Amino acid sequence: MNKTLLVFGTRPELIKLALVIEEFRKRDQRQSPFIVNTNQNKNSEWHDFEYFHVEIDYQLQMETTLSLYFH
């Protein structure tokens, strides 16, 4: 069984990949993609995932704090 990794981080990327994900579902169930959200856009809403019928396999948790050190 082959796995394809599809990664997105923003809403525009999700919109573009939604068609690709749908084609995977239509063509062959054995080649279902592994979908990762990099969570770049903190405003991404779960209703976007529901609207496009996208089930995320993994969601990255990114650190957003910066530490500056002065010597």
N, C-alpha and C. Protein backbone atom coordinates (compact mmCIF):
# COMPACT_ATOMS: atom_id res chain seq x y z
N MET A 1 0.84 -1.17 0.00
CA MET A 1 0.00 0.00 0.00
C MET A 1 0.89 1.24 0.00
N ASN A 2 0.62 2.14 -0.92
CA ASN A 2 1.36 3.39 -1.02
C ASN A 2 0.67 4.48 -0.21
N LYS A 3 1.46 5.32 0.40
CA LYS A 3 0.93 6.48 1.11
C LYS A 3 1.52 7.73 0.48
N THR A 4 0.68 8.71 0.31
CA THR A 4 1.11 10.01 -0.21
C THR A 4 0.92 11.03 0.90
N LEU A 5 1.94 11.83 1.13
CA LEU A 5 1.89 12.85 2.15
C LEU A 5 1.43 14.16 1.52
N LEU A 6 0.35 14.72 2.04
CA LEU A 6 -0.14 16.02 1.60
C LEU A 6 -0.06 16.97 2.79
N VAL A 7 0.62 18.09 2.60
CA VAL A 7 0.86 19.04 3.68
C VAL A 7 0.31 20.40 3.28
N PHE A 8 -0.43 21.01 4.21
CA PHE A 8 -0.91 22.37 3.99
C PHE A 8 -0.83 23.13 5.29
N GLY A 9 -0.82 24.48 5.18
CA GLY A 9 -0.73 25.27 6.39
C GLY A 9 -1.65 26.47 6.40
N THR A 10 -2.17 26.82 5.22
CA THR A 10 -3.04 27.99 5.14
C THR A 10 -4.35 27.61 4.46
N ARG A 11 -5.34 28.46 4.61
CA ARG A 11 -6.64 28.21 4.01
C ARG A 11 -6.58 28.12 2.48
N PRO A 12 -5.83 29.01 1.79
CA PRO A 12 -5.73 28.87 0.34
C PRO A 12 -5.13 27.53 -0.10
N GLU A 13 -4.15 27.04 0.68
CA GLU A 13 -3.57 25.73 0.36
C GLU A 13 -4.60 24.62 0.56
N LEU A 14 -5.40 24.73 1.61
CA LEU A 14 -6.45 23.74 1.85
C LEU A 14 -7.45 23.73 0.69
N ILE A 15 -7.83 24.90 0.22
CA ILE A 15 -8.79 24.99 -0.88
C ILE A 15 -8.23 24.30 -2.12
N LYS A 16 -6.95 24.51 -2.41
CA LYS A 16 -6.33 23.88 -3.58
C LYS A 16 -6.20 22.37 -3.41
N LEU A 17 -5.81 21.94 -2.23
CA LEU A 17 -5.60 20.51 -1.99
C LEU A 17 -6.90 19.73 -1.84
N ALA A 18 -7.99 20.41 -1.54
CA ALA A 18 -9.27 19.71 -1.35
C ALA A 18 -9.65 18.92 -2.60
N LEU A 19 -9.39 19.48 -3.77
CA LEU A 19 -9.69 18.77 -5.03
C LEU A 19 -8.79 17.55 -5.20
N VAL A 20 -7.54 17.67 -4.82
CA VAL A 20 -6.60 16.55 -4.92
C VAL A 20 -7.03 15.43 -3.97
N ILE A 21 -7.40 15.80 -2.75
CA ILE A 21 -7.85 14.82 -1.76
C ILE A 21 -9.09 14.10 -2.24
N GLU A 22 -10.01 14.85 -2.84
CA GLU A 22 -11.24 14.25 -3.37
C GLU A 22 -10.93 13.25 -4.48
N GLU A 23 -9.98 13.57 -5.35
CA GLU A 23 -9.60 12.64 -6.42
C GLU A 23 -8.99 11.36 -5.85
N PHE A 24 -8.19 11.49 -4.81
CA PHE A 24 -7.64 10.30 -4.16
C PHE A 24 -8.78 9.39 -3.70
N ARG A 25 -9.78 9.98 -3.08
CA ARG A 25 -10.92 9.19 -2.58
C ARG A 25 -11.67 8.50 -3.71
N LYS A 26 -11.84 9.18 -4.81
CA LYS A 26 -12.59 8.63 -5.94
C LYS A 26 -11.85 7.49 -6.62
N ARG A 27 -10.55 7.63 -6.78
CA ARG A 27 -9.79 6.69 -7.60
C ARG A 27 -9.49 5.36 -6.92
N ASP A 28 -8.93 5.43 -5.73
CA ASP A 28 -8.49 4.18 -5.12
C ASP A 28 -8.39 4.34 -3.61
N GLN A 29 -9.13 3.56 -2.89
CA GLN A 29 -9.13 3.65 -1.43
C GLN A 29 -7.79 3.18 -0.84
N ARG A 30 -7.06 2.36 -1.56
CA ARG A 30 -5.79 1.85 -1.04
C ARG A 30 -4.70 2.91 -1.05
N GLN A 31 -4.89 3.98 -1.80
CA GLN A 31 -3.88 5.03 -1.87
C GLN A 31 -4.35 6.30 -1.17
N SER A 32 -4.96 6.15 -0.04
CA SER A 32 -5.45 7.33 0.67
C SER A 32 -4.26 8.15 1.17
N PRO A 33 -4.34 9.47 1.03
CA PRO A 33 -3.20 10.31 1.45
C PRO A 33 -3.16 10.48 2.96
N PHE A 34 -1.97 10.75 3.46
CA PHE A 34 -1.76 11.11 4.85
C PHE A 34 -1.72 12.63 4.88
N ILE A 35 -2.67 13.27 5.58
CA ILE A 35 -2.85 14.70 5.50
C ILE A 35 -2.33 15.36 6.78
N VAL A 36 -1.43 16.35 6.58
CA VAL A 36 -0.82 17.06 7.70
C VAL A 36 -1.12 18.54 7.58
N ASN A 37 -1.55 19.14 8.68
CA ASN A 37 -1.77 20.58 8.75
C ASN A 37 -0.64 21.18 9.57
N THR A 38 0.11 22.12 8.98
CA THR A 38 1.22 22.74 9.69
C THR A 38 0.75 23.84 10.63
N ASN A 39 -0.54 24.18 10.54
CA ASN A 39 -1.15 25.13 11.46
C ASN A 39 -0.49 26.51 11.39
N GLN A 40 -0.08 26.92 10.18
CA GLN A 40 0.54 28.23 10.01
C GLN A 40 -0.47 29.35 10.24
N ASN A 41 -1.69 29.10 9.83
CA ASN A 41 -2.74 30.09 9.98
C ASN A 41 -3.56 29.74 11.21
N LYS A 42 -3.32 30.44 12.29
CA LYS A 42 -4.01 30.13 13.55
C LYS A 42 -5.51 30.39 13.45
N ASN A 43 -5.94 31.13 12.44
CA ASN A 43 -7.36 31.44 12.28
C ASN A 43 -8.12 30.39 11.49
N SER A 44 -7.42 29.32 11.10
CA SER A 44 -8.12 28.29 10.32
C SER A 44 -9.20 27.65 11.20
N GLU A 45 -10.37 27.62 10.66
CA GLU A 45 -11.52 27.13 11.40
C GLU A 45 -11.81 25.68 11.01
N TRP A 46 -12.32 24.93 11.94
CA TRP A 46 -12.66 23.53 11.67
C TRP A 46 -13.78 23.42 10.65
N HIS A 47 -14.62 24.46 10.52
CA HIS A 47 -15.70 24.38 9.53
C HIS A 47 -15.14 24.33 8.11
N ASP A 48 -13.93 24.86 7.89
CA ASP A 48 -13.30 24.74 6.56
C ASP A 48 -13.00 23.28 6.26
N PHE A 49 -12.50 22.56 7.26
CA PHE A 49 -12.19 21.14 7.06
C PHE A 49 -13.47 20.35 6.82
N GLU A 50 -14.51 20.68 7.55
CA GLU A 50 -15.79 20.00 7.37
C GLU A 50 -16.40 20.31 6.01
N TYR A 51 -16.31 21.57 5.59
CA TYR A 51 -16.89 21.98 4.31
C TYR A 51 -16.27 21.21 3.15
N PHE A 52 -14.94 21.03 3.20
CA PHE A 52 -14.24 20.33 2.13
C PHE A 52 -14.14 18.82 2.39
N HIS A 53 -14.71 18.35 3.47
CA HIS A 53 -14.68 16.92 3.83
C HIS A 53 -13.24 16.41 3.94
N VAL A 54 -12.42 17.17 4.62
CA VAL A 54 -11.01 16.82 4.80
C VAL A 54 -10.81 16.38 6.25
N GLU A 55 -10.28 15.18 6.40
CA GLU A 55 -9.94 14.66 7.72
C GLU A 55 -8.42 14.71 7.87
N ILE A 56 -7.97 15.46 8.86
CA ILE A 56 -6.55 15.65 9.08
C ILE A 56 -6.01 14.47 9.89
N ASP A 57 -4.89 13.92 9.42
CA ASP A 57 -4.26 12.81 10.13
C ASP A 57 -3.33 13.30 11.24
N TYR A 58 -2.70 14.44 11.00
CA TYR A 58 -1.78 14.98 12.00
C TYR A 58 -1.76 16.50 11.90
N GLN A 59 -1.73 17.16 13.06
CA GLN A 59 -1.66 18.61 13.10
C GLN A 59 -0.44 19.01 13.91
N LEU A 60 0.46 19.76 13.27
CA LEU A 60 1.67 20.20 13.95
C LEU A 60 1.35 21.28 14.97
N GLN A 61 2.07 21.25 16.06
CA GLN A 61 1.97 22.29 17.07
C GLN A 61 3.27 23.09 17.01
N MET A 62 3.17 24.31 16.52
CA MET A 62 4.36 25.13 16.32
C MET A 62 4.56 26.07 17.50
N GLU A 63 5.80 26.29 17.86
CA GLU A 63 6.15 27.28 18.87
C GLU A 63 6.12 28.65 18.22
N THR A 64 5.49 29.60 18.87
CA THR A 64 5.40 30.93 18.28
C THR A 64 6.12 32.00 19.09
N THR A 65 6.74 31.61 20.17
CA THR A 65 7.42 32.61 21.00
C THR A 65 8.86 32.74 20.56
N LEU A 66 9.34 33.96 20.62
CA LEU A 66 10.74 34.25 20.31
C LEU A 66 11.43 34.69 21.60
N SER A 67 12.58 34.18 21.82
CA SER A 67 13.36 34.60 22.99
C SER A 67 14.59 35.34 22.49
N LEU A 68 14.78 36.53 22.97
CA LEU A 68 15.96 37.31 22.62
C LEU A 68 16.87 37.39 23.84
N TYR A 69 18.12 37.11 23.61
CA TYR A 69 19.09 37.13 24.70
C TYR A 69 20.12 38.23 24.41
N PHE A 70 20.32 39.07 25.39
CA PHE A 70 21.32 40.13 25.26
C PHE A 70 22.47 39.83 26.23
N HIS A 71 23.66 39.95 25.76
CA HIS A 71 24.85 39.72 26.61
C HIS A 71 25.50 41.02 26.94
